Amino acid sequence: TYTINRSPGGTQGTLTGTGSPLSFTQTVNTAGTYGYTITAVNGAGCTSTMNGTATVVVNNPPSPTVGGPNSVCASGSTATYSVTPVNGGSTYTWSVTGTGNSVVSQSGNQATIQWNTAGTQTVTVTETNSGCSGTGSLSVTVSAPPTVYNVTPANASVCLPNSGTTTFNVQLSNSQAGVSYQVMHGSNPLGSAVSGTGSNINLPITIGPGGNIVSTGTYNL
């Protein structure tokens, strides 16, 4: 019989000789270097110790953590996600759930995701290092953008008062509760944001000295 001893770990099993090479199967759960010694015992009780030892290096699998925005808009927007910790020699494979969502680029421990499909989605990375693999994921809430409604009037002419202000209403054909609406002139807000009601709303802007628009001209809102 042949008995294998592991250091550390002690006796790991015994096999009976067959006249052919033997294979011992070992399970280890902790990273480290292990030495092995095999002792042979024949029917007369005589023993021999194998002169060679096998050294096995056990590597811990990577345990990647995915970081990045966990709340995004499903409007074709992109967001960058990254892995920590960064381990030298690691390679990364990224994926994302949701039809229409995609990994548009990846470099090193980072990936850029494009979001097109609303819902609770998952960004997943598989990290491989020294032949071992580990997986990490991040749950992302992807929100649908507000519905687009008709804005009226398409064109309007308003007189600039000499004093005080006059109010001009930008009209929205419908609105969503829980959504705020803001008239913009380029990147500049005009007037105050108005909360959606589930029906049509007016977004007032003031024209004249001290108002939102104080001079004559053509304004594309």
Protein backbone atom coordinates (compact mmCIF):
# COMPACT_ATOMS: atom_id res chain seq x y z
CA THR A 1 0.00 0.00 0.00
CA TYR A 2 1.02 3.57 -0.57
CA THR A 3 0.12 6.32 1.89
CA ILE A 4 0.42 9.98 1.00
CA ASN A 5 1.18 12.58 3.65
CA ARG A 6 0.84 16.29 3.10
CA SER A 7 2.66 19.01 4.96
CA PRO A 8 0.72 20.76 6.31
CA GLY A 9 -2.32 18.48 6.44
CA GLY A 10 -1.12 15.03 7.56
CA THR A 11 -2.25 11.74 6.02
CA GLN A 12 -4.40 12.27 2.92
CA GLY A 13 -5.17 8.73 1.76
CA THR A 14 -3.91 5.25 0.96
CA LEU A 15 -3.92 3.36 -2.33
CA THR A 16 -3.09 -0.26 -3.16
CA GLY A 17 -0.35 -0.90 -5.68
CA THR A 18 -1.44 -2.16 -9.10
CA GLY A 19 1.89 -2.61 -10.86
CA SER A 20 1.17 0.66 -12.73
CA PRO A 21 1.56 4.34 -11.82
CA LEU A 22 -0.80 5.63 -9.11
CA SER A 23 -2.54 8.99 -8.94
CA PHE A 24 -3.57 10.62 -5.67
CA THR A 25 -6.37 13.18 -5.84
CA GLN A 26 -5.99 16.09 -3.42
CA THR A 27 -8.32 18.88 -2.41
CA VAL A 28 -6.89 22.05 -0.89
CA ASN A 29 -8.86 25.13 0.12
CA THR A 30 -6.15 27.45 1.38
CA ALA A 31 -3.48 29.14 -0.71
CA GLY A 32 0.05 28.01 0.04
CA THR A 33 2.91 25.64 -0.80
CA TYR A 34 2.40 21.97 0.12
CA GLY A 35 5.00 19.23 0.37
CA TYR A 36 4.08 15.59 -0.24
CA THR A 37 5.75 12.36 0.99
CA ILE A 38 4.64 8.83 0.00
CA THR A 39 5.34 5.84 2.26
CA ALA A 40 5.13 2.32 0.79
CA VAL A 41 4.40 -0.76 2.96
CA ASN A 42 4.60 -4.32 1.58
CA GLY A 43 2.95 -7.51 2.85
CA ALA A 44 5.87 -8.26 5.15
CA GLY A 45 5.47 -4.92 6.89
CA CYS A 46 8.61 -3.44 5.36
CA THR A 47 8.45 0.26 4.50
CA SER A 48 10.06 2.60 2.01
CA THR A 49 9.75 6.31 1.73
CA MET A 50 9.66 7.87 -1.72
CA ASN A 51 12.66 10.09 -2.16
CA GLY A 52 10.93 12.77 -4.21
CA THR A 53 8.45 15.39 -3.06
CA ALA A 54 5.88 17.31 -5.10
CA THR A 55 5.32 20.97 -4.33
CA VAL A 56 1.94 22.40 -5.23
CA VAL A 57 1.30 26.16 -5.20
CA VAL A 58 -2.37 26.99 -4.65
CA ASN A 59 -3.53 30.45 -5.78
CA ASN A 60 -6.56 32.17 -4.32
CA PRO A 61 -9.11 32.99 -7.06
CA PRO A 62 -9.62 36.70 -7.70
CA SER A 63 -12.49 38.37 -5.86
CA PRO A 64 -13.30 41.43 -7.98
CA THR A 65 -15.58 44.22 -6.79
CA VAL A 66 -17.36 46.24 -9.49
CA GLY A 67 -17.70 49.97 -8.89
CA GLY A 68 -19.54 52.63 -10.87
CA PRO A 69 -22.93 54.37 -11.21
CA ASN A 70 -25.81 52.21 -9.95
CA SER A 71 -28.53 54.54 -11.24
CA VAL A 72 -28.54 55.62 -14.90
CA CYS A 73 -30.92 56.68 -17.68
CA ALA A 74 -31.90 54.41 -20.57
CA SER A 75 -31.33 57.02 -23.23
CA GLY A 76 -28.17 55.78 -24.93
CA SER A 77 -26.09 57.23 -22.12
CA THR A 78 -22.76 55.67 -21.21
CA ALA A 79 -21.15 55.00 -17.84
CA THR A 80 -17.73 53.68 -16.83
CA TYR A 81 -17.28 50.76 -14.42
CA SER A 82 -14.05 49.50 -12.86
CA VAL A 83 -12.68 46.63 -10.79
CA THR A 84 -10.99 46.81 -7.41
CA PRO A 85 -8.54 45.67 -6.27
CA VAL A 86 -6.30 45.80 -9.35
CA ASN A 87 -4.12 42.69 -9.54
CA GLY A 88 -1.09 42.53 -11.80
CA GLY A 89 -1.43 40.02 -14.60
CA SER A 90 -5.23 39.86 -14.45
CA THR A 91 -7.45 39.83 -17.51
CA TYR A 92 -11.10 40.93 -17.44
CA THR A 93 -14.21 39.91 -19.36
CA TRP A 94 -17.25 42.18 -19.02
CA SER A 95 -20.94 41.58 -19.73
CA VAL A 96 -24.25 43.34 -19.09
CA THR A 97 -27.87 42.19 -18.99
CA GLY A 98 -30.77 43.75 -20.89
CA THR A 99 -31.39 43.66 -24.63
CA GLY A 100 -29.97 46.85 -26.12
CA ASN A 101 -27.44 47.42 -23.33
CA SER A 102 -23.86 46.75 -24.39
CA VAL A 103 -20.20 46.89 -23.45
CA VAL A 104 -18.92 49.49 -25.92
CA SER A 105 -15.28 49.45 -24.80
CA GLN A 106 -12.98 47.96 -22.20
CA SER A 107 -9.39 48.66 -21.24
CA GLY A 108 -7.49 47.17 -18.34
CA ASN A 109 -9.77 46.97 -15.33
CA GLN A 110 -12.38 49.39 -16.79
CA ALA A 111 -15.34 49.05 -19.15
CA THR A 112 -17.81 51.52 -20.64
CA ILE A 113 -21.45 50.42 -20.78
CA GLN A 114 -24.11 51.97 -23.01
CA TRP A 115 -27.58 51.92 -21.48
CA ASN A 116 -30.67 51.63 -23.70
CA THR A 117 -33.00 49.27 -21.82
CA ALA A 118 -34.76 50.23 -18.59
CA GLY A 119 -35.13 47.94 -15.59
CA THR A 120 -32.88 46.38 -12.99
CA GLN A 121 -29.78 45.27 -14.88
CA THR A 122 -26.48 43.68 -13.88
CA VAL A 123 -22.92 44.52 -14.84
CA THR A 124 -20.69 41.44 -14.44
CA VAL A 125 -16.92 41.01 -14.70
CA THR A 126 -14.90 37.80 -14.72
CA GLU A 127 -11.29 38.27 -13.62
CA THR A 128 -8.68 35.62 -14.49
CA ASN A 129 -5.27 35.46 -12.84
CA SER A 130 -2.75 32.58 -12.72
CA GLY A 131 -5.35 30.20 -14.15
CA CYS A 132 -7.94 31.03 -11.48
CA SER A 133 -11.14 32.97 -12.13
CA GLY A 134 -13.49 34.99 -9.96
CA THR A 135 -16.67 36.93 -10.74
CA GLY A 136 -18.06 40.19 -9.42
CA SER A 137 -21.26 42.05 -10.29
CA LEU A 138 -23.14 45.28 -9.67
CA SER A 139 -26.89 45.81 -9.83
CA VAL A 140 -27.85 48.94 -11.78
CA THR A 141 -31.24 50.64 -11.88
CA VAL A 142 -31.84 51.88 -15.43
CA SER A 143 -34.66 54.43 -15.67
CA ALA A 144 -36.62 55.22 -18.84
CA PRO A 145 -36.41 58.86 -19.95
CA PRO A 146 -39.55 61.02 -19.69
CA THR A 147 -42.06 60.76 -22.53
CA VAL A 148 -41.77 63.45 -25.22
CA TYR A 149 -44.89 65.62 -25.65
CA ASN A 150 -45.85 68.42 -28.02
CA VAL A 151 -44.73 71.94 -27.15
CA THR A 152 -46.79 74.93 -28.29
CA PRO A 153 -46.85 77.48 -29.68
CA ALA A 154 -44.30 76.70 -32.38
CA ASN A 155 -43.83 80.43 -33.03
CA ALA A 156 -44.92 83.46 -31.05
CA SER A 157 -44.41 87.21 -31.10
CA VAL A 158 -44.49 89.06 -27.79
CA CYS A 159 -44.16 92.76 -27.14
CA LEU A 160 -41.44 93.82 -24.70
CA PRO A 161 -43.07 96.07 -22.08
CA ASN A 162 -41.45 99.39 -21.17
CA SER A 163 -41.92 98.63 -17.49
CA GLY A 164 -42.89 95.60 -15.48
CA THR A 165 -43.19 92.18 -17.04
CA THR A 166 -45.62 90.19 -19.10
CA THR A 167 -46.04 86.44 -18.80
CA PHE A 168 -45.73 84.10 -21.73
CA ASN A 169 -46.80 80.46 -21.32
CA VAL A 170 -44.97 77.62 -23.00
CA GLN A 171 -47.60 74.88 -23.22
CA LEU A 172 -46.98 71.14 -22.94
CA SER A 173 -49.65 68.82 -24.36
CA ASN A 174 -49.25 66.32 -21.51
CA SER A 175 -47.00 65.60 -18.54
CA GLN A 176 -45.97 62.79 -16.22
CA ALA A 177 -46.46 62.86 -12.48
CA GLY A 178 -43.15 62.76 -10.68
CA VAL A 179 -41.33 64.52 -13.53
CA SER A 180 -40.29 68.19 -13.48
CA TYR A 181 -40.27 70.31 -16.64
CA GLN A 182 -38.02 73.29 -17.28
CA VAL A 183 -37.94 75.75 -20.20
CA MET A 184 -34.36 76.16 -21.43
CA HIS A 185 -32.65 78.74 -23.62
CA GLY A 186 -29.51 76.88 -24.62
CA SER A 187 -28.03 75.76 -21.31
CA ASN A 188 -29.80 78.50 -19.33
CA PRO A 189 -33.09 77.80 -17.52
CA LEU A 190 -35.93 80.27 -18.03
CA GLY A 191 -38.54 80.56 -15.31
CA SER A 192 -39.10 77.93 -12.68
CA ALA A 193 -39.42 74.18 -13.09
CA VAL A 194 -43.03 72.90 -13.12
CA SER A 195 -44.05 69.50 -11.76
CA GLY A 196 -45.94 67.14 -14.04
CA THR A 197 -49.59 66.47 -13.23
CA GLY A 198 -50.53 63.69 -15.64
CA SER A 199 -52.19 66.21 -17.96
CA ASN A 200 -51.25 69.31 -19.98
CA ILE A 201 -49.33 72.06 -18.16
CA ASN A 202 -48.14 75.63 -18.72
CA LEU A 203 -44.56 76.70 -18.10
CA PRO A 204 -44.59 80.47 -17.57
CA ILE A 205 -41.70 82.76 -18.42
CA THR A 206 -41.64 86.50 -17.77
CA ILE A 207 -40.64 89.07 -20.37
CA GLY A 208 -39.55 92.60 -19.54
CA PRO A 209 -37.28 94.43 -17.08
CA GLY A 210 -36.44 92.08 -14.22
CA GLY A 211 -37.98 89.10 -16.04
CA ASN A 212 -36.55 85.98 -17.58
CA ILE A 213 -36.14 87.71 -20.96
CA VAL A 214 -35.18 91.39 -20.77
CA SER A 215 -34.33 92.35 -24.35
CA THR A 216 -35.73 92.04 -27.83
CA GLY A 217 -34.55 89.26 -30.12
CA THR A 218 -35.34 85.80 -31.38
CA TYR A 219 -35.20 83.07 -28.74
CA ASN A 220 -35.22 79.38 -29.54
CA LEU A 221 -36.55 77.62 -26.43
